[in-house]
Amino acid sequence: MMQKRTVRELMQATRLHKATLYRYIKEGLITPYNFHTASEDKGYFFTEEEYQRVVTEFAKPPGYTIKDLALRLGMSRSDIMKHLQEGTLESSIYHYRGQELYIISEESLKYFLKKK
């Protein structure tokens, strides 16, 4: 019997929002095996192979983007960038879907908050 992977599982594995995954389905970037019967099946389901492909290709790197961290700390994005430029907050640069993203690890965040 084929293992059914759900949108919820993809959300957890990729750290992508549900609306993003649905948009990717609509655009044909992600292919549920039950695309035409999803309403009767009460949701989209994915084969293990498609699930693994999506996780490999679309998963966000672990940590916080500048936007995520600004929202979490109640700061502006420019304030977060200032701390990155000054070296008071460390990040790594990841290439994600054709963009360079600054990603701040949980460890870097804890160290930053301790010093603050």
PDB file of N, CA and C in Angstrom:
ATOM      1  N   MET A   1       0.832  -1.198   0.000  1.00  0.00           N
ATOM      2  CA  MET A   1       0.000   0.000   0.000  1.00  0.00           C
ATOM      3  C   MET A   1       0.876   1.260   0.000  1.00  0.00           C
ATOM      4  N   MET A   2       0.524   2.220  -0.822  1.00  0.00           N
ATOM      5  CA  MET A   2       1.290   3.446  -0.949  1.00  0.00           C
ATOM      6  C   MET A   2       1.096   4.320   0.294  1.00  0.00           C
ATOM      7  N   GLN A   3       2.214   4.848   0.803  1.00  0.00           N
ATOM      8  CA  GLN A   3       2.138   5.759   1.944  1.00  0.00           C
ATOM      9  C   GLN A   3       1.672   7.123   1.453  1.00  0.00           C
ATOM     10  N   LYS A   4       0.664   7.677   2.110  1.00  0.00           N
ATOM     11  CA  LYS A   4       0.143   8.987   1.752  1.00  0.00           C
ATOM     12  C   LYS A   4       0.823  10.041   2.621  1.00  0.00           C
ATOM     13  N   ARG A   5       1.444  11.015   1.976  1.00  0.00           N
ATOM     14  CA  ARG A   5       2.014  12.156   2.685  1.00  0.00           C
ATOM     15  C   ARG A   5       1.076  13.335   2.492  1.00  0.00           C
ATOM     16  N   THR A   6       0.875  14.110   3.538  1.00  0.00           N
ATOM     17  CA  THR A   6      -0.116  15.181   3.527  1.00  0.00           C
ATOM     18  C   THR A   6       0.525  16.567   3.381  1.00  0.00           C
ATOM     19  N   VAL A   7      -0.307  17.547   3.123  1.00  0.00           N
ATOM     20  CA  VAL A   7       0.146  18.937   3.075  1.00  0.00           C
ATOM     21  C   VAL A   7       0.726  19.330   4.430  1.00  0.00           C
ATOM     22  N   ARG A   8       0.097  18.900   5.494  1.00  0.00           N
ATOM     23  CA  ARG A   8       0.596  19.221   6.842  1.00  0.00           C
ATOM     24  C   ARG A   8       2.021  18.694   7.038  1.00  0.00           C
ATOM     25  N   GLU A   9       2.278  17.480   6.572  1.00  0.00           N
ATOM     26  CA  GLU A   9       3.624  16.925   6.684  1.00  0.00           C
ATOM     27  C   GLU A   9       4.628  17.739   5.862  1.00  0.00           C
ATOM     28  N   LEU A  10       4.195  18.174   4.683  1.00  0.00           N
ATOM     29  CA  LEU A  10       5.071  19.016   3.861  1.00  0.00           C
ATOM     30  C   LEU A  10       5.324  20.365   4.531  1.00  0.00           C
ATOM     31  N   MET A  11       4.313  20.923   5.164  1.00  0.00           N
ATOM     32  CA  MET A  11       4.482  22.183   5.880  1.00  0.00           C
ATOM     33  C   MET A  11       5.553  22.047   6.957  1.00  0.00           C
ATOM     34  N   GLN A  12       5.471  20.961   7.716  1.00  0.00           N
ATOM     35  CA  GLN A  12       6.427  20.751   8.800  1.00  0.00           C
ATOM     36  C   GLN A  12       7.840  20.507   8.269  1.00  0.00           C
ATOM     37  N   ALA A  13       7.954  19.733   7.208  1.00  0.00           N
ATOM     38  CA  ALA A  13       9.268  19.374   6.681  1.00  0.00           C
ATOM     39  C   ALA A  13       9.946  20.522   5.933  1.00  0.00           C
ATOM     40  N   THR A  14       9.155  21.369   5.281  1.00  0.00           N
ATOM     41  CA  THR A  14       9.734  22.432   4.455  1.00  0.00           C
ATOM     42  C   THR A  14       9.749  23.796   5.136  1.00  0.00           C
ATOM     43  N   ARG A  15       8.967  23.944   6.207  1.00  0.00           N
ATOM     44  CA  ARG A  15       8.802  25.226   6.885  1.00  0.00           C
ATOM     45  C   ARG A  15       8.130  26.255   5.980  1.00  0.00           C
ATOM     46  N   LEU A  16       7.311  25.769   5.046  1.00  0.00           N
ATOM     47  CA  LEU A  16       6.566  26.650   4.157  1.00  0.00           C
ATOM     48  C   LEU A  16       5.121  26.750   4.633  1.00  0.00           C
ATOM     49  N   HIS A  17       4.509  27.877   4.375  1.00  0.00           N
ATOM     50  CA  HIS A  17       3.120  28.107   4.760  1.00  0.00           C
ATOM     51  C   HIS A  17       2.201  27.289   3.851  1.00  0.00           C
ATOM     52  N   LYS A  18       1.057  26.934   4.393  1.00  0.00           N
ATOM     53  CA  LYS A  18       0.067  26.163   3.640  1.00  0.00           C
ATOM     54  C   LYS A  18      -0.310  26.853   2.326  1.00  0.00           C
ATOM     55  N   ALA A  19      -0.518  28.163   2.375  1.00  0.00           N
ATOM     56  CA  ALA A  19      -0.891  28.909   1.169  1.00  0.00           C
ATOM     57  C   ALA A  19       0.208  28.823   0.102  1.00  0.00           C
ATOM     58  N   THR A  20       1.455  28.814   0.532  1.00  0.00           N
ATOM     59  CA  THR A  20       2.570  28.686  -0.413  1.00  0.00           C
ATOM     60  C   THR A  20       2.533  27.332  -1.090  1.00  0.00           C
ATOM     61  N   LEU A  21       2.310  26.275  -0.316  1.00  0.00           N
ATOM     62  CA  LEU A  21       2.243  24.930  -0.895  1.00  0.00           C
ATOM     63  C   LEU A  21       1.071  24.814  -1.866  1.00  0.00           C
ATOM     64  N   TYR A  22      -0.063  25.372  -1.518  1.00  0.00           N
ATOM     65  CA  TYR A  22      -1.211  25.332  -2.422  1.00  0.00           C
ATOM     66  C   TYR A  22      -0.939  26.119  -3.706  1.00  0.00           C
ATOM     67  N   ARG A  23      -0.232  27.237  -3.574  1.00  0.00           N
ATOM     68  CA  ARG A  23       0.139  28.001  -4.769  1.00  0.00           C
ATOM     69  C   ARG A  23       1.075  27.178  -5.652  1.00  0.00           C
ATOM     70  N   TYR A  24       2.029  26.480  -5.046  1.00  0.00           N
ATOM     71  CA  TYR A  24       2.944  25.630  -5.805  1.00  0.00           C
ATOM     72  C   TYR A  24       2.190  24.500  -6.511  1.00  0.00           C
ATOM     73  N   ILE A  25       1.169  23.964  -5.868  1.00  0.00           N
ATOM     74  CA  ILE A  25       0.340  22.931  -6.506  1.00  0.00           C
ATOM     75  C   ILE A  25      -0.366  23.528  -7.717  1.00  0.00           C
ATOM     76  N   LYS A  26      -0.971  24.697  -7.514  1.00  0.00           N
ATOM     77  CA  LYS A  26      -1.702  25.362  -8.599  1.00  0.00           C
ATOM     78  C   LYS A  26      -0.778  25.677  -9.776  1.00  0.00           C
ATOM     79  N   GLU A  27       0.462  26.065  -9.481  1.00  0.00           N
ATOM     80  CA  GLU A  27       1.431  26.414 -10.520  1.00  0.00           C
ATOM     81  C   GLU A  27       2.088  25.188 -11.150  1.00  0.00           C
ATOM     82  N   GLY A  28       1.816  24.008 -10.593  1.00  0.00           N
ATOM     83  CA  GLY A  28       2.383  22.783 -11.139  1.00  0.00           C
ATOM     84  C   GLY A  28       3.786  22.475 -10.667  1.00  0.00           C
ATOM     85  N   LEU A  29       4.260  23.186  -9.644  1.00  0.00           N
ATOM     86  CA  LEU A  29       5.594  22.933  -9.100  1.00  0.00           C
ATOM     87  C   LEU A  29       5.611  21.711  -8.186  1.00  0.00           C
ATOM     88  N   ILE A  30       4.462  21.420  -7.602  1.00  0.00           N
ATOM     89  CA  ILE A  30       4.280  20.261  -6.719  1.00  0.00           C
ATOM     90  C   ILE A  30       3.112  19.459  -7.282  1.00  0.00           C
ATOM     91  N   THR A  31       3.265  18.142  -7.305  1.00  0.00           N
ATOM     92  CA  THR A  31       2.227  17.311  -7.918  1.00  0.00           C
ATOM     93  C   THR A  31       1.676  16.276  -6.941  1.00  0.00           C
ATOM     94  N   PRO A  32       0.496  16.525  -6.383  1.00  0.00           N
ATOM     95  CA  PRO A  32      -0.144  15.489  -5.565  1.00  0.00           C
ATOM     96  C   PRO A  32      -0.654  14.386  -6.488  1.00  0.00           C
ATOM     97  N   TYR A  33      -0.605  13.154  -5.997  1.00  0.00           N
ATOM     98  CA  TYR A  33      -1.058  12.061  -6.865  1.00  0.00           C
ATOM     99  C   TYR A  33      -2.571  12.071  -7.043  1.00  0.00           C
ATOM    100  N   ASN A  34      -3.279  12.785  -6.170  1.00  0.00           N
ATOM    101  CA  ASN A  34      -4.740  12.831  -6.267  1.00  0.00           C
ATOM    102  C   ASN A  34      -5.225  14.225  -6.664  1.00  0.00           C
ATOM    103  N   PHE A  35      -4.510  14.869  -7.544  1.00  0.00           N
ATOM    104  CA  PHE A  35      -4.837  16.240  -7.944  1.00  0.00           C
ATOM    105  C   PHE A  35      -6.308  16.392  -8.354  1.00  0.00           C
ATOM    106  N   HIS A  36      -6.817  15.459  -9.145  1.00  0.00           N
ATOM    107  CA  HIS A  36      -8.185  15.579  -9.669  1.00  0.00           C
ATOM    108  C   HIS A  36      -9.259  15.055  -8.710  1.00  0.00           C
ATOM    109  N   THR A  37      -8.859  14.370  -7.663  1.00  0.00           N
ATOM    110  CA  THR A  37      -9.846  13.826  -6.721  1.00  0.00           C
ATOM    111  C   THR A  37      -9.663  14.372  -5.305  1.00  0.00           C
ATOM    112  N   ALA A  38      -8.914  15.458  -5.166  1.00  0.00           N
ATOM    113  CA  ALA A  38      -8.593  15.991  -3.834  1.00  0.00           C
ATOM    114  C   ALA A  38      -9.832  16.359  -3.028  1.00  0.00           C
ATOM    115  N   SER A  39     -10.862  16.895  -3.684  1.00  0.00           N
ATOM    116  CA  SER A  39     -12.055  17.280  -2.914  1.00  0.00           C
ATOM    117  C   SER A  39     -12.760  16.054  -2.340  1.00  0.00           C
ATOM    118  N   GLU A  40     -12.855  14.983  -3.117  1.00  0.00           N
ATOM    119  CA  GLU A  40     -13.466  13.752  -2.592  1.00  0.00           C
ATOM    120  C   GLU A  40     -12.568  13.081  -1.536  1.00  0.00           C
ATOM    121  N   ASP A  41     -11.245  13.221  -1.725  1.00  0.00           N
ATOM    122  CA  ASP A  41     -10.286  12.599  -0.798  1.00  0.00           C
ATOM    123  C   ASP A  41     -10.059  13.430   0.459  1.00  0.00           C
ATOM    124  N   LYS A  42     -10.667  14.611   0.506  1.00  0.00           N
ATOM    125  CA  LYS A  42     -10.521  15.530   1.639  1.00  0.00           C
ATOM    126  C   LYS A  42      -9.074  15.989   1.821  1.00  0.00           C
ATOM    127  N   GLY A  43      -8.459  16.382   0.710  1.00  0.00           N
ATOM    128  CA  GLY A  43      -7.110  16.949   0.762  1.00  0.00           C
ATOM    129  C   GLY A  43      -6.181  16.351  -0.274  1.00  0.00           C
ATOM    130  N   TYR A  44      -5.052  17.024  -0.450  1.00  0.00           N
ATOM    131  CA  TYR A  44      -4.037  16.532  -1.377  1.00  0.00           C
ATOM    132  C   TYR A  44      -3.139  15.526  -0.673  1.00  0.00           C
ATOM    133  N   PHE A  45      -2.694  14.522  -1.439  1.00  0.00           N
ATOM    134  CA  PHE A  45      -1.765  13.528  -0.924  1.00  0.00           C
ATOM    135  C   PHE A  45      -0.623  13.355  -1.909  1.00  0.00           C
ATOM    136  N   PHE A  46       0.532  13.011  -1.368  1.00  0.00           N
ATOM    137  CA  PHE A  46       1.750  12.921  -2.162  1.00  0.00           C
ATOM    138  C   PHE A  46       2.400  11.561  -1.983  1.00  0.00           C
ATOM    139  N   THR A  47       3.015  11.089  -3.057  1.00  0.00           N
ATOM    140  CA  THR A  47       3.800   9.857  -2.944  1.00  0.00           C
ATOM    141  C   THR A  47       5.050  10.174  -2.127  1.00  0.00           C
ATOM    142  N   GLU A  48       5.683   9.143  -1.635  1.00  0.00           N
ATOM    143  CA  GLU A  48       6.931   9.333  -0.881  1.00  0.00           C
ATOM    144  C   GLU A  48       7.990   9.991  -1.762  1.00  0.00           C
ATOM    145  N   GLU A  49       8.043   9.597  -3.023  1.00  0.00           N
ATOM    146  CA  GLU A  49       9.029  10.176  -3.947  1.00  0.00           C
ATOM    147  C   GLU A  49       8.796  11.676  -4.150  1.00  0.00           C
ATOM    148  N   GLU A  50       7.541  12.062  -4.348  1.00  0.00           N
ATOM    149  CA  GLU A  50       7.228  13.484  -4.531  1.00  0.00           C
ATOM    150  C   GLU A  50       7.488  14.261  -3.243  1.00  0.00           C
ATOM    151  N   TYR A  51       7.131  13.670  -2.115  1.00  0.00           N
ATOM    152  CA  TYR A  51       7.384  14.296  -0.810  1.00  0.00           C
ATOM    153  C   TYR A  51       8.877  14.584  -0.649  1.00  0.00           C
ATOM    154  N   GLN A  52       9.723  13.585  -0.916  1.00  0.00           N
ATOM    155  CA  GLN A  52      11.171  13.757  -0.771  1.00  0.00           C
ATOM    156  C   GLN A  52      11.702  14.812  -1.745  1.00  0.00           C
ATOM    157  N   ARG A  53      11.196  14.828  -2.968  1.00  0.00           N
ATOM    158  CA  ARG A  53      11.620  15.815  -3.957  1.00  0.00           C
ATOM    159  C   ARG A  53      11.287  17.231  -3.490  1.00  0.00           C
ATOM    160  N   VAL A  54      10.075  17.399  -3.001  1.00  0.00           N
ATOM    161  CA  VAL A  54       9.632  18.718  -2.544  1.00  0.00           C
ATOM    162  C   VAL A  54      10.460  19.177  -1.346  1.00  0.00           C
ATOM    163  N   VAL A  55      10.701  18.290  -0.406  1.00  0.00           N
ATOM    164  CA  VAL A  55      11.504  18.646   0.768  1.00  0.00           C
ATOM    165  C   VAL A  55      12.909  19.055   0.334  1.00  0.00           C
ATOM    166  N   THR A  56      13.498  18.300  -0.563  1.00  0.00           N
ATOM    167  CA  THR A  56      14.853  18.595  -1.028  1.00  0.00           C
ATOM    168  C   THR A  56      14.907  19.913  -1.788  1.00  0.00           C
ATOM    169  N   GLU A  57      13.931  20.152  -2.634  1.00  0.00           N
ATOM    170  CA  GLU A  57      13.964  21.317  -3.520  1.00  0.00           C
ATOM    171  C   GLU A  57      13.452  22.603  -2.880  1.00  0.00           C
ATOM    172  N   PHE A  58      12.483  22.507  -1.970  1.00  0.00           N
ATOM    173  CA  PHE A  58      11.798  23.705  -1.501  1.00  0.00           C
ATOM    174  C   PHE A  58      11.991  24.034  -0.020  1.00  0.00           C
ATOM    175  N   ALA A  59      12.582  23.150   0.751  1.00  0.00           N
ATOM    176  CA  ALA A  59      12.676  23.390   2.195  1.00  0.00           C
ATOM    177  C   ALA A  59      13.507  24.627   2.508  1.00  0.00           C
ATOM    178  N   LYS A  60      13.002  25.439   3.412  1.00  0.00           N
ATOM    179  CA  LYS A  60      13.746  26.598   3.890  1.00  0.00           C
ATOM    180  C   LYS A  60      14.838  26.117   4.836  1.00  0.00           C
ATOM    181  N   PRO A  61      15.977  26.809   4.856  1.00  0.00           N
ATOM    182  CA  PRO A  61      17.013  26.431   5.815  1.00  0.00           C
ATOM    183  C   PRO A  61      16.545  26.687   7.239  1.00  0.00           C
ATOM    184  N   PRO A  62      17.047  25.916   8.201  1.00  0.00           N
ATOM    185  CA  PRO A  62      16.625  26.121   9.596  1.00  0.00           C
ATOM    186  C   PRO A  62      17.142  27.446  10.136  1.00  0.00           C
ATOM    187  N   GLY A  63      16.335  28.105  10.912  1.00  0.00           N
ATOM    188  CA  GLY A  63      16.713  29.380  11.503  1.00  0.00           C
ATOM    189  C   GLY A  63      15.710  30.456  11.142  1.00  0.00           C
ATOM    190  N   TYR A  64      16.122  31.694  11.338  1.00  0.00           N
ATOM    191  CA  TYR A  64      15.238  32.840  11.122  1.00  0.00           C
ATOM    192  C   TYR A  64      15.743  33.691   9.973  1.00  0.00           C
ATOM    193  N   THR A  65      14.833  34.113   9.111  1.00  0.00           N
ATOM    194  CA  THR A  65      15.178  35.129   8.131  1.00  0.00           C
ATOM    195  C   THR A  65      15.159  36.472   8.852  1.00  0.00           C
ATOM    196  N   ILE A  66      15.640  37.500   8.180  1.00  0.00           N
ATOM    197  CA  ILE A  66      15.612  38.843   8.772  1.00  0.00           C
ATOM    198  C   ILE A  66      14.172  39.239   9.079  1.00  0.00           C
ATOM    199  N   LYS A  67      13.272  38.957   8.163  1.00  0.00           N
ATOM    200  CA  LYS A  67      11.859  39.282   8.369  1.00  0.00           C
ATOM    201  C   LYS A  67      11.289  38.523   9.574  1.00  0.00           C
ATOM    202  N   ASP A  68      11.566  37.201   9.645  1.00  0.00           N
ATOM    203  CA  ASP A  68      11.070  36.386  10.763  1.00  0.00           C
ATOM    204  C   ASP A  68      11.567  36.928  12.098  1.00  0.00           C
ATOM    205  N   LEU A  69      12.858  37.257  12.141  1.00  0.00           N
ATOM    206  CA  LEU A  69      13.454  37.720  13.394  1.00  0.00           C
ATOM    207  C   LEU A  69      12.921  39.093  13.778  1.00  0.00           C
ATOM    208  N   ALA A  70      12.745  39.969  12.809  1.00  0.00           N
ATOM    209  CA  ALA A  70      12.196  41.297  13.093  1.00  0.00           C
ATOM    210  C   ALA A  70      10.803  41.164  13.708  1.00  0.00           C
ATOM    211  N   LEU A  71       9.981  40.283  13.146  1.00  0.00           N
ATOM    212  CA  LEU A  71       8.644  40.069  13.694  1.00  0.00           C
ATOM    213  C   LEU A  71       8.712  39.479  15.100  1.00  0.00           C
ATOM    214  N   ARG A  72       9.587  38.511  15.284  1.00  0.00           N
ATOM    215  CA  ARG A  72       9.688  37.856  16.588  1.00  0.00           C
ATOM    216  C   ARG A  72      10.156  38.821  17.678  1.00  0.00           C
ATOM    217  N   LEU A  73      11.116  39.698  17.337  1.00  0.00           N
ATOM    218  CA  LEU A  73      11.687  40.594  18.344  1.00  0.00           C
ATOM    219  C   LEU A  73      11.012  41.961  18.402  1.00  0.00           C
ATOM    220  N   GLY A  74      10.057  42.205  17.487  1.00  0.00           N
ATOM    221  CA  GLY A  74       9.395  43.507  17.468  1.00  0.00           C
ATOM    222  C   GLY A  74      10.339  44.623  17.033  1.00  0.00           C
ATOM    223  N   MET A  75      11.258  44.294  16.133  1.00  0.00           N
ATOM    224  CA  MET A  75      12.224  45.269  15.624  1.00  0.00           C
ATOM    225  C   MET A  75      11.981  45.449  14.127  1.00  0.00           C
ATOM    226  N   SER A  76      12.586  46.483  13.581  1.00  0.00           N
ATOM    227  CA  SER A  76      12.486  46.676  12.131  1.00  0.00           C
ATOM    228  C   SER A  76      13.531  45.810  11.431  1.00  0.00           C
ATOM    229  N   ARG A  77      13.306  45.558  10.163  1.00  0.00           N
ATOM    230  CA  ARG A  77      14.284  44.797   9.376  1.00  0.00           C
ATOM    231  C   ARG A  77      15.601  45.550   9.294  1.00  0.00           C
ATOM    232  N   SER A  78      15.525  46.869   9.188  1.00  0.00           N
ATOM    233  CA  SER A  78      16.764  47.658   9.101  1.00  0.00           C
ATOM    234  C   SER A  78      17.569  47.568  10.396  1.00  0.00           C
ATOM    235  N   ASP A  79      16.893  47.486  11.541  1.00  0.00           N
ATOM    236  CA  ASP A  79      17.605  47.312  12.816  1.00  0.00           C
ATOM    237  C   ASP A  79      18.309  45.951  12.860  1.00  0.00           C
ATOM    238  N   ILE A  80      17.642  44.923  12.369  1.00  0.00           N
ATOM    239  CA  ILE A  80      18.261  43.587  12.321  1.00  0.00           C
ATOM    240  C   ILE A  80      19.486  43.627  11.407  1.00  0.00           C
ATOM    241  N   MET A  81      19.351  44.267  10.222  1.00  0.00           N
ATOM    242  CA  MET A  81      20.473  44.384   9.291  1.00  0.00           C
ATOM    243  C   MET A  81      21.630  45.151   9.928  1.00  0.00           C
ATOM    244  N   LYS A  82      21.329  46.187  10.689  1.00  0.00           N
ATOM    245  CA  LYS A  82      22.365  46.972  11.362  1.00  0.00           C
ATOM    246  C   LYS A  82      23.167  46.081  12.315  1.00  0.00           C
ATOM    247  N   HIS A  83      22.468  45.248  13.068  1.00  0.00           N
ATOM    248  CA  HIS A  83      23.151  44.337  13.996  1.00  0.00           C
ATOM    249  C   HIS A  83      24.004  43.318  13.237  1.00  0.00           C
ATOM    250  N   LEU A  84      23.507  42.860  12.099  1.00  0.00           N
ATOM    251  CA  LEU A  84      24.285  41.928  11.281  1.00  0.00           C
ATOM    252  C   LEU A  84      25.546  42.609  10.756  1.00  0.00           C
ATOM    253  N   GLN A  85      25.409  43.835  10.275  1.00  0.00           N
ATOM    254  CA  GLN A  85      26.552  44.570   9.723  1.00  0.00           C
ATOM    255  C   GLN A  85      27.575  44.913  10.804  1.00  0.00           C
ATOM    256  N   GLU A  86      27.102  45.209  12.010  1.00  0.00           N
ATOM    257  CA  GLU A  86      27.997  45.543  13.123  1.00  0.00           C
ATOM    258  C   GLU A  86      28.654  44.303  13.718  1.00  0.00           C
ATOM    259  N   GLY A  87      28.100  43.126  13.409  1.00  0.00           N
ATOM    260  CA  GLY A  87      28.657  41.889  13.959  1.00  0.00           C
ATOM    261  C   GLY A  87      28.114  41.523  15.322  1.00  0.00           C
ATOM    262  N   THR A  88      27.102  42.258  15.796  1.00  0.00           N
ATOM    263  CA  THR A  88      26.507  41.920  17.095  1.00  0.00           C
ATOM    264  C   THR A  88      25.498  40.779  16.974  1.00  0.00           C
ATOM    265  N   LEU A  89      25.164  40.442  15.735  1.00  0.00           N
ATOM    266  CA  LEU A  89      24.281  39.317  15.444  1.00  0.00           C
ATOM    267  C   LEU A  89      24.895  38.567  14.271  1.00  0.00           C
ATOM    268  N   GLU A  90      25.046  37.259  14.421  1.00  0.00           N
ATOM    269  CA  GLU A  90      25.677  36.459  13.376  1.00  0.00           C
ATOM    270  C   GLU A  90      24.623  35.761  12.523  1.00  0.00           C
ATOM    271  N   SER A  91      24.984  35.578  11.259  1.00  0.00           N
ATOM    272  CA  SER A  91      24.091  34.874  10.349  1.00  0.00           C
ATOM    273  C   SER A  91      24.923  34.089   9.346  1.00  0.00           C
ATOM    274  N   SER A  92      24.241  33.246   8.608  1.00  0.00           N
ATOM    275  CA  SER A  92      24.833  32.522   7.489  1.00  0.00           C
ATOM    276  C   SER A  92      24.036  32.903   6.256  1.00  0.00           C
ATOM    277  N   ILE A  93      24.696  32.874   5.119  1.00  0.00           N
ATOM    278  CA  ILE A  93      23.987  33.168   3.873  1.00  0.00           C
ATOM    279  C   ILE A  93      23.676  31.851   3.175  1.00  0.00           C
ATOM    280  N   TYR A  94      22.411  31.674   2.829  1.00  0.00           N
ATOM    281  CA  TYR A  94      21.943  30.492   2.105  1.00  0.00           C
ATOM    282  C   TYR A  94      21.378  30.930   0.767  1.00  0.00           C
ATOM    283  N   HIS A  95      21.582  30.089  -0.216  1.00  0.00           N
ATOM    284  CA  HIS A  95      20.952  30.317  -1.516  1.00  0.00           C
ATOM    285  C   HIS A  95      19.667  29.503  -1.525  1.00  0.00           C
ATOM    286  N   TYR A  96      18.574  30.198  -1.656  1.00  0.00           N
ATOM    287  CA  TYR A  96      17.255  29.575  -1.580  1.00  0.00           C
ATOM    288  C   TYR A  96      16.397  30.100  -2.712  1.00  0.00           C
ATOM    289  N   ARG A  97      16.033  29.205  -3.625  1.00  0.00           N
ATOM    290  CA  ARG A  97      15.144  29.533  -4.744  1.00  0.00           C
ATOM    291  C   ARG A  97      15.600  30.783  -5.499  1.00  0.00           C
ATOM    292  N   GLY A  98      16.910  30.847  -5.777  1.00  0.00           N
ATOM    293  CA  GLY A  98      17.461  31.935  -6.569  1.00  0.00           C
ATOM    294  C   GLY A  98      17.745  33.211  -5.800  1.00  0.00           C
ATOM    295  N   GLN A  99      17.604  33.187  -4.480  1.00  0.00           N
ATOM    296  CA  GLN A  99      17.858  34.368  -3.658  1.00  0.00           C
ATOM    297  C   GLN A  99      18.925  34.046  -2.630  1.00  0.00           C
ATOM    298  N   GLU A 100      19.606  35.092  -2.171  1.00  0.00           N
ATOM    299  CA  GLU A 100      20.498  34.939  -1.028  1.00  0.00           C
ATOM    300  C   GLU A 100      19.715  35.341   0.214  1.00  0.00           C
ATOM    301  N   LEU A 101      19.673  34.452   1.186  1.00  0.00           N
ATOM    302  CA  LEU A 101      18.973  34.736   2.438  1.00  0.00           C
ATOM    303  C   LEU A 101      19.955  34.751   3.595  1.00  0.00           C
ATOM    304  N   TYR A 102      19.837  35.752   4.451  1.00  0.00           N
ATOM    305  CA  TYR A 102      20.557  35.724   5.715  1.00  0.00           C
ATOM    306  C   TYR A 102      19.722  34.876   6.663  1.00  0.00           C
ATOM    307  N   ILE A 103      20.335  33.854   7.235  1.00  0.00           N
ATOM    308  CA  ILE A 103      19.636  32.998   8.187  1.00  0.00           C
ATOM    309  C   ILE A 103      20.344  33.079   9.531  1.00  0.00           C
ATOM    310  N   ILE A 104      19.586  33.408  10.555  1.00  0.00           N
ATOM    311  CA  ILE A 104      20.113  33.527  11.912  1.00  0.00           C
ATOM    312  C   ILE A 104      19.710  32.270  12.669  1.00  0.00           C
ATOM    313  N   SER A 105      20.686  31.565  13.185  1.00  0.00           N
ATOM    314  CA  SER A 105      20.407  30.317  13.907  1.00  0.00           C
ATOM    315  C   SER A 105      19.827  30.621  15.281  1.00  0.00           C
ATOM    316  N   GLU A 106      19.210  29.613  15.863  1.00  0.00           N
ATOM    317  CA  GLU A 106      18.660  29.742  17.222  1.00  0.00           C
ATOM    318  C   GLU A 106      19.788  30.062  18.203  1.00  0.00           C
ATOM    319  N   GLU A 107      20.931  29.441  18.005  1.00  0.00           N
ATOM    320  CA  GLU A 107      22.094  29.675  18.873  1.00  0.00           C
ATOM    321  C   GLU A 107      22.565  31.128  18.780  1.00  0.00           C
ATOM    322  N   SER A 108      22.653  31.663  17.565  1.00  0.00           N
ATOM    323  CA  SER A 108      23.054  33.066  17.383  1.00  0.00           C
ATOM    324  C   SER A 108      22.044  34.004  18.017  1.00  0.00           C
ATOM    325  N   LEU A 109      20.769  33.691  17.901  1.00  0.00           N
ATOM    326  CA  LEU A 109      19.729  34.512  18.514  1.00  0.00           C
ATOM    327  C   LEU A 109      19.876  34.524  20.038  1.00  0.00           C
ATOM    328  N   LYS A 110      20.075  33.362  20.629  1.00  0.00           N
ATOM    329  CA  LYS A 110      20.232  33.283  22.092  1.00  0.00           C
ATOM    330  C   LYS A 110      21.427  34.103  22.555  1.00  0.00           C
ATOM    331  N   TYR A 111      22.546  34.002  21.834  1.00  0.00           N
ATOM    332  CA  TYR A 111      23.760  34.749  22.187  1.00  0.00           C
ATOM    333  C   TYR A 111      23.488  36.251  22.070  1.00  0.00           C
ATOM    334  N   PHE A 112      22.815  36.663  21.015  1.00  0.00           N
ATOM    335  CA  PHE A 112      22.463  38.071  20.797  1.00  0.00           C
ATOM    336  C   PHE A 112      21.581  38.591  21.930  1.00  0.00           C
ATOM    337  N   LEU A 113      20.584  37.828  22.309  1.00  0.00           N
ATOM    338  CA  LEU A 113      19.661  38.255  23.358  1.00  0.00           C
ATOM    339  C   LEU A 113      20.357  38.325  24.723  1.00  0.00           C
ATOM    340  N   LYS A 114      21.321  37.446  24.946  1.00  0.00           N
ATOM    341  CA  LYS A 114      22.096  37.474  26.192  1.00  0.00           C
ATOM    342  C   LYS A 114      22.922  38.756  26.307  1.00  0.00           C
ATOM    343  N   LYS A 115      23.526  39.174  25.190  1.00  0.00           N
ATOM    344  CA  LYS A 115      24.383  40.363  25.174  1.00  0.00           C
ATOM    345  C   LYS A 115      23.585  41.651  25.238  1.00  0.00           C
ATOM    346  N   LYS A 116      22.374  41.608  24.765  1.00  0.00           N
ATOM    347  CA  LYS A 116      21.540  42.794  24.635  1.00  0.00           C
ATOM    348  C   LYS A 116      21.177  43.411  25.958  1.00  0.00           C
TER     349      LYS A 116
END
